[in-house]
């Protein structure tokens, strides 16, 4: 009898416990099509909060993919079609040691040589890029690039962007798409969409 009561109490508790929050999703609406990305706030909380803040503020609206390296990455989130650099907040602390890898389809923060310098720019990996991962050697840590999500729909769009012709333009001496590829908006979305 006592065992039955314990089972019933445990079941009632489980039924009343709040469900785990689903990971947020965003739609990156581009001039080549839409890309849906699942974000991982449990692995990169500050990075995800930073990305969503820029999205909500509209910083990504009408920016471009300013760097496309075939078979490597596509990068955006910082420049208008006229190569005006968008204003940014303070850099986000490095979260590249979160265990996530720079695998094909993942989204990660771009930065300078300072691991704590990431602001608004990000890239999507076109292939597995282990050289971009955080790792520790006998000489100490090798800082990577903080992965904070993954494409769940629209890799065909990512691949299409990754295959465009590039040239020198604006402040860049290479890797800029010849025909500008716009990031029209980045919005949070329910995923999967309700029927």
C-alpha atoms as a PDB file:
ATOM      1  CA  UNK A   1       0.000   0.000   0.000  1.00  0.00           C
ATOM      2  CA  UNK A   2       2.812   2.404   0.958  1.00  0.00           C
ATOM      3  CA  UNK A   3       4.536   1.654  -2.332  1.00  0.00           C
ATOM      4  CA  UNK A   4       1.330   2.440  -4.244  1.00  0.00           C
ATOM      5  CA  UNK A   5       0.967   5.765  -2.425  1.00  0.00           C
ATOM      6  CA  UNK A   6       4.587   6.669  -3.262  1.00  0.00           C
ATOM      7  CA  UNK A   7       4.017   5.850  -6.918  1.00  0.00           C
ATOM      8  CA  UNK A   8       0.832   7.957  -7.010  1.00  0.00           C
ATOM      9  CA  UNK A   9       2.533  10.916  -5.287  1.00  0.00           C
ATOM     10  CA  UNK A  10       5.487  10.726  -7.707  1.00  0.00           C
ATOM     11  CA  UNK A  11       3.130  10.630 -10.689  1.00  0.00           C
ATOM     12  CA  UNK A  12       1.158  13.595  -9.402  1.00  0.00           C
ATOM     13  CA  UNK A  13       4.365  15.574  -8.851  1.00  0.00           C
ATOM     14  CA  UNK A  14       5.615  14.759 -12.341  1.00  0.00           C
ATOM     15  CA  UNK A  15       2.311  15.853 -13.845  1.00  0.00           C
ATOM     16  CA  UNK A  16       2.426  19.183 -12.016  1.00  0.00           C
ATOM     17  CA  UNK A  17       6.095  19.923 -12.741  1.00  0.00           C
ATOM     18  CA  UNK A  18       6.594  22.571 -15.420  1.00  0.00           C
ATOM     19  CA  UNK A  19       7.770  21.280 -18.767  1.00  0.00           C
ATOM     20  CA  UNK A  20      11.325  22.122 -19.747  1.00  0.00           C
ATOM     21  CA  UNK A  21      11.426  25.236 -21.881  1.00  0.00           C
ATOM     22  CA  UNK A  22      12.028  24.546 -25.539  1.00  0.00           C
ATOM     23  CA  UNK A  23      15.105  26.068 -27.136  1.00  0.00           C
ATOM     24  CA  UNK A  24      14.363  29.357 -28.918  1.00  0.00           C
ATOM     25  CA  UNK A  25      14.371  29.437 -32.705  1.00  0.00           C
ATOM     26  CA  UNK A  26      14.988  32.299 -35.102  1.00  0.00           C
ATOM     27  CA  UNK A  27      14.249  32.844 -38.761  1.00  0.00           C
ATOM     28  CA  UNK A  28      17.049  34.528 -40.671  1.00  0.00           C
ATOM     29  CA  UNK A  29      15.152  35.914 -43.663  1.00  0.00           C
ATOM     30  CA  UNK A  30      17.599  36.461 -46.535  1.00  0.00           C
ATOM     31  CA  UNK A  31      17.311  37.505 -50.155  1.00  0.00           C
ATOM     32  CA  UNK A  32      18.116  33.863 -51.026  1.00  0.00           C
ATOM     33  CA  UNK A  33      15.462  32.352 -48.728  1.00  0.00           C
ATOM     34  CA  UNK A  34      14.792  31.627 -45.063  1.00  0.00           C
ATOM     35  CA  UNK A  35      17.103  29.886 -42.608  1.00  0.00           C
ATOM     36  CA  UNK A  36      15.687  28.512 -39.337  1.00  0.00           C
ATOM     37  CA  UNK A  37      18.183  28.233 -36.485  1.00  0.00           C
ATOM     38  CA  UNK A  38      17.736  26.538 -33.110  1.00  0.00           C
ATOM     39  CA  UNK A  39      19.636  28.345 -30.338  1.00  0.00           C
ATOM     40  CA  UNK A  40      21.260  26.705 -27.305  1.00  0.00           C
ATOM     41  CA  UNK A  41      20.951  28.999 -24.272  1.00  0.00           C
ATOM     42  CA  UNK A  42      21.852  26.139 -21.933  1.00  0.00           C
ATOM     43  CA  UNK A  43      25.292  25.890 -23.581  1.00  0.00           C
ATOM     44  CA  UNK A  44      25.944  29.534 -24.482  1.00  0.00           C
ATOM     45  CA  UNK A  45      23.588  31.715 -22.399  1.00  0.00           C
ATOM     46  CA  UNK A  46      25.395  35.033 -22.789  1.00  0.00           C
ATOM     47  CA  UNK A  47      26.010  34.514 -26.494  1.00  0.00           C
ATOM     48  CA  UNK A  48      22.381  33.605 -27.188  1.00  0.00           C
ATOM     49  CA  UNK A  49      21.126  36.573 -25.135  1.00  0.00           C
ATOM     50  CA  UNK A  50      23.512  38.840 -27.058  1.00  0.00           C
ATOM     51  CA  UNK A  51      22.339  37.533 -30.459  1.00  0.00           C
ATOM     52  CA  UNK A  52      18.657  37.841 -29.528  1.00  0.00           C
ATOM     53  CA  UNK A  53      19.169  41.374 -28.232  1.00  0.00           C
ATOM     54  CA  UNK A  54      20.611  42.470 -31.577  1.00  0.00           C
ATOM     55  CA  UNK A  55      17.775  40.692 -33.416  1.00  0.00           C
ATOM     56  CA  UNK A  56      15.097  42.387 -31.284  1.00  0.00           C
ATOM     57  CA  UNK A  57      16.738  45.773 -31.742  1.00  0.00           C
ATOM     58  CA  UNK A  58      16.711  45.325 -35.518  1.00  0.00           C
ATOM     59  CA  UNK A  59      20.474  45.583 -35.918  1.00  0.00           C
ATOM     60  CA  UNK A  60      20.500  42.697 -38.400  1.00  0.00           C
ATOM     61  CA  UNK A  61      17.748  44.217 -40.580  1.00  0.00           C
ATOM     62  CA  UNK A  62      19.048  44.978 -44.093  1.00  0.00           C
ATOM     63  CA  UNK A  63      22.586  43.830 -43.392  1.00  0.00           C
ATOM     64  CA  UNK A  64      24.578  41.616 -45.751  1.00  0.00           C
ATOM     65  CA  UNK A  65      26.605  38.450 -45.817  1.00  0.00           C
ATOM     66  CA  UNK A  66      29.910  40.271 -46.241  1.00  0.00           C
ATOM     67  CA  UNK A  67      32.145  37.192 -46.195  1.00  0.00           C
ATOM     68  CA  UNK A  68      31.587  33.976 -48.121  1.00  0.00           C
ATOM     69  CA  UNK A  69      34.305  31.356 -48.248  1.00  0.00           C
ATOM     70  CA  UNK A  70      33.272  28.371 -50.358  1.00  0.00           C
ATOM     71  CA  UNK A  71      33.497  25.112 -48.445  1.00  0.00           C
ATOM     72  CA  UNK A  72      34.153  26.945 -45.175  1.00  0.00           C
ATOM     73  CA  UNK A  73      31.735  29.586 -43.799  1.00  0.00           C
ATOM     74  CA  UNK A  74      29.273  32.342 -44.606  1.00  0.00           C
ATOM     75  CA  UNK A  75      29.486  35.384 -42.328  1.00  0.00           C
ATOM     76  CA  UNK A  76      27.189  38.315 -41.643  1.00  0.00           C
ATOM     77  CA  UNK A  77      25.691  40.509 -38.974  1.00  0.00           C
ATOM     78  CA  UNK A  78      27.852  43.599 -39.166  1.00  0.00           C
ATOM     79  CA  UNK A  79      27.557  45.637 -42.370  1.00  0.00           C
ATOM     80  CA  UNK A  80      24.921  47.296 -44.513  1.00  0.00           C
ATOM     81  CA  UNK A  81      24.893  46.915 -48.297  1.00  0.00           C
ATOM     82  CA  UNK A  82      26.900  50.160 -48.391  1.00  0.00           C
ATOM     83  CA  UNK A  83      29.480  48.675 -45.996  1.00  0.00           C
ATOM     84  CA  UNK A  84      28.450  50.918 -43.141  1.00  0.00           C
ATOM     85  CA  UNK A  85      29.421  49.077 -39.972  1.00  0.00           C
ATOM     86  CA  UNK A  86      26.522  48.740 -37.564  1.00  0.00           C
ATOM     87  CA  UNK A  87      27.025  50.066 -34.006  1.00  0.00           C
ATOM     88  CA  UNK A  88      27.421  47.361 -31.379  1.00  0.00           C
ATOM     89  CA  UNK A  89      27.178  46.831 -27.640  1.00  0.00           C
ATOM     90  CA  UNK A  90      30.027  45.715 -25.419  1.00  0.00           C
ATOM     91  CA  UNK A  91      31.617  42.398 -26.466  1.00  0.00           C
ATOM     92  CA  UNK A  92      30.142  39.195 -25.110  1.00  0.00           C
ATOM     93  CA  UNK A  93      32.347  36.993 -22.872  1.00  0.00           C
ATOM     94  CA  UNK A  94      33.914  33.958 -24.550  1.00  0.00           C
ATOM     95  CA  UNK A  95      31.765  30.815 -24.408  1.00  0.00           C
ATOM     96  CA  UNK A  96      33.662  28.717 -26.936  1.00  0.00           C
ATOM     97  CA  UNK A  97      34.567  26.154 -24.270  1.00  0.00           C
ATOM     98  CA  UNK A  98      30.951  24.972 -23.964  1.00  0.00           C
ATOM     99  CA  UNK A  99      31.517  21.566 -25.587  1.00  0.00           C
ATOM    100  CA  UNK A 100      29.755  22.433 -28.854  1.00  0.00           C
ATOM    101  CA  UNK A 101      31.718  21.828 -32.055  1.00  0.00           C
ATOM    102  CA  UNK A 102      31.899  23.843 -35.273  1.00  0.00           C
ATOM    103  CA  UNK A 103      30.096  21.209 -37.310  1.00  0.00           C
ATOM    104  CA  UNK A 104      28.345  21.721 -40.641  1.00  0.00           C
ATOM    105  CA  UNK A 105      25.234  23.837 -40.114  1.00  0.00           C
ATOM    106  CA  UNK A 106      26.203  25.271 -36.742  1.00  0.00           C
ATOM    107  CA  UNK A 107      26.187  29.017 -36.091  1.00  0.00           C
ATOM    108  CA  UNK A 108      29.054  30.584 -34.152  1.00  0.00           C
ATOM    109  CA  UNK A 109      30.301  34.007 -33.145  1.00  0.00           C
ATOM    110  CA  UNK A 110      32.896  35.812 -35.222  1.00  0.00           C
ATOM    111  CA  UNK A 111      35.581  37.701 -33.307  1.00  0.00           C
ATOM    112  CA  UNK A 112      39.093  39.152 -33.501  1.00  0.00           C
ATOM    113  CA  UNK A 113      42.156  37.437 -32.047  1.00  0.00           C
ATOM    114  CA  UNK A 114      40.845  38.373 -28.594  1.00  0.00           C
ATOM    115  CA  UNK A 115      38.507  35.550 -27.494  1.00  0.00           C
ATOM    116  CA  UNK A 116      36.362  38.068 -25.587  1.00  0.00           C
ATOM    117  CA  UNK A 117      35.807  40.383 -28.573  1.00  0.00           C
ATOM    118  CA  UNK A 118      32.644  38.958 -30.220  1.00  0.00           C
ATOM    119  CA  UNK A 119      29.881  41.525 -30.744  1.00  0.00           C
ATOM    120  CA  UNK A 120      27.209  41.196 -33.456  1.00  0.00           C
ATOM    121  CA  UNK A 121      28.848  39.191 -36.247  1.00  0.00           C
ATOM    122  CA  UNK A 122      28.308  35.464 -36.663  1.00  0.00           C
ATOM    123  CA  UNK A 123      28.958  32.748 -39.201  1.00  0.00           C
ATOM    124  CA  UNK A 124      27.414  29.467 -40.325  1.00  0.00           C
ATOM    125  CA  UNK A 125      29.736  26.544 -40.969  1.00  0.00           C
ATOM    126  CA  UNK A 126      29.469  25.041 -44.457  1.00  0.00           C
ATOM    127  CA  UNK A 127      31.385  21.940 -43.345  1.00  0.00           C
ATOM    128  CA  UNK A 128      32.811  20.445 -40.173  1.00  0.00           C
ATOM    129  CA  UNK A 129      35.550  22.867 -39.071  1.00  0.00           C
ATOM    130  CA  UNK A 130      37.418  21.277 -36.147  1.00  0.00           C
ATOM    131  CA  UNK A 131      40.191  23.895 -36.374  1.00  0.00           C
ATOM    132  CA  UNK A 132      37.636  26.437 -35.130  1.00  0.00           C
ATOM    133  CA  UNK A 133      36.886  24.452 -31.950  1.00  0.00           C
ATOM    134  CA  UNK A 134      38.108  25.237 -28.453  1.00  0.00           C
ATOM    135  CA  UNK A 135      40.717  22.759 -27.273  1.00  0.00           C
ATOM    136  CA  UNK A 136      43.284  22.390 -24.549  1.00  0.00           C
ATOM    137  CA  UNK A 137      46.871  21.330 -25.191  1.00  0.00           C
ATOM    138  CA  UNK A 138      49.906  20.823 -22.966  1.00  0.00           C
ATOM    139  CA  UNK A 139      50.727  24.467 -23.732  1.00  0.00           C
ATOM    140  CA  UNK A 140      47.328  25.664 -22.546  1.00  0.00           C
ATOM    141  CA  UNK A 141      43.976  26.485 -24.156  1.00  0.00           C
ATOM    142  CA  UNK A 142      43.536  27.216 -27.838  1.00  0.00           C
ATOM    143  CA  UNK A 143      40.529  29.486 -28.076  1.00  0.00           C
ATOM    144  CA  UNK A 144      37.939  28.621 -30.674  1.00  0.00           C
ATOM    145  CA  UNK A 145      34.728  30.196 -31.869  1.00  0.00           C
ATOM    146  CA  UNK A 146      31.618  29.964 -29.704  1.00  0.00           C
ATOM    147  CA  UNK A 147      28.928  27.790 -31.257  1.00  0.00           C
ATOM    148  CA  UNK A 148      25.476  28.799 -30.024  1.00  0.00           C
ATOM    149  CA  UNK A 149      22.997  27.096 -32.341  1.00  0.00           C
ATOM    150  CA  UNK A 150      22.361  25.024 -35.434  1.00  0.00           C
ATOM    151  CA  UNK A 151      20.409  25.324 -38.679  1.00  0.00           C
ATOM    152  CA  UNK A 152      17.321  23.095 -38.536  1.00  0.00           C
ATOM    153  CA  UNK A 153      15.824  24.166 -41.869  1.00  0.00           C
ATOM    154  CA  UNK A 154      17.271  26.005 -44.839  1.00  0.00           C
ATOM    155  CA  UNK A 155      20.700  24.415 -45.274  1.00  0.00           C
ATOM    156  CA  UNK A 156      19.943  24.534 -48.996  1.00  0.00           C
ATOM    157  CA  UNK A 157      19.796  28.325 -48.651  1.00  0.00           C
ATOM    158  CA  UNK A 158      23.061  28.326 -46.679  1.00  0.00           C
ATOM    159  CA  UNK A 159      24.725  26.190 -49.368  1.00  0.00           C
ATOM    160  CA  UNK A 160      23.388  28.457 -52.123  1.00  0.00           C
ATOM    161  CA  UNK A 161      24.895  31.481 -50.367  1.00  0.00           C
ATOM    162  CA  UNK A 162      28.126  29.556 -49.873  1.00  0.00           C
ATOM    163  CA  UNK A 163      28.496  28.950 -53.606  1.00  0.00           C
ATOM    164  CA  UNK A 164      28.151  32.506 -54.937  1.00  0.00           C
ATOM    165  CA  UNK A 165      30.894  34.365 -56.774  1.00  0.00           C
ATOM    166  CA  UNK A 166      32.942  36.749 -54.626  1.00  0.00           C
ATOM    167  CA  UNK A 167      35.315  39.669 -55.135  1.00  0.00           C
ATOM    168  CA  UNK A 168      36.911  42.599 -53.309  1.00  0.00           C
ATOM    169  CA  UNK A 169      34.477  45.286 -52.167  1.00  0.00           C
ATOM    170  CA  UNK A 170      34.137  47.908 -49.460  1.00  0.00           C
ATOM    171  CA  UNK A 171      36.863  47.510 -46.832  1.00  0.00           C
ATOM    172  CA  UNK A 172      37.488  43.869 -47.809  1.00  0.00           C
ATOM    173  CA  UNK A 173      40.089  42.686 -50.303  1.00  0.00           C
ATOM    174  CA  UNK A 174      38.264  39.412 -51.037  1.00  0.00           C
ATOM    175  CA  UNK A 175      35.318  37.108 -50.191  1.00  0.00           C
ATOM    176  CA  UNK A 176      32.464  39.617 -50.652  1.00  0.00           C
ATOM    177  CA  UNK A 177      29.564  38.321 -52.792  1.00  0.00           C
ATOM    178  CA  UNK A 178      29.517  39.990 -56.212  1.00  0.00           C
ATOM    179  CA  UNK A 179      25.741  40.324 -55.929  1.00  0.00           C
ATOM    180  CA  UNK A 180      24.822  41.466 -52.430  1.00  0.00           C
ATOM    181  CA  UNK A 181      22.981  38.888 -50.316  1.00  0.00           C
ATOM    182  CA  UNK A 182      20.743  40.655 -47.828  1.00  0.00           C
ATOM    183  CA  UNK A 183      19.756  39.599 -44.355  1.00  0.00           C
ATOM    184  CA  UNK A 184      16.323  41.210 -44.380  1.00  0.00           C
ATOM    185  CA  UNK A 185      15.384  40.398 -40.779  1.00  0.00           C
ATOM    186  CA  UNK A 186      16.123  38.051 -37.896  1.00  0.00           C
ATOM    187  CA  UNK A 187      13.029  37.182 -35.842  1.00  0.00           C
ATOM    188  CA  UNK A 188      12.216  34.718 -33.092  1.00  0.00           C
ATOM    189  CA  UNK A 189       9.699  32.126 -34.318  1.00  0.00           C
ATOM    190  CA  UNK A 190       7.721  29.208 -32.942  1.00  0.00           C
ATOM    191  CA  UNK A 191       9.203  25.967 -34.173  1.00  0.00           C
ATOM    192  CA  UNK A 192       7.935  23.684 -35.433  1.00  0.00           C
ATOM    193  CA  UNK A 193       5.211  26.002 -36.715  1.00  0.00           C
ATOM    194  CA  UNK A 194       1.684  25.382 -35.460  1.00  0.00           C
ATOM    195  CA  UNK A 195      -0.632  23.651 -37.951  1.00  0.00           C
END
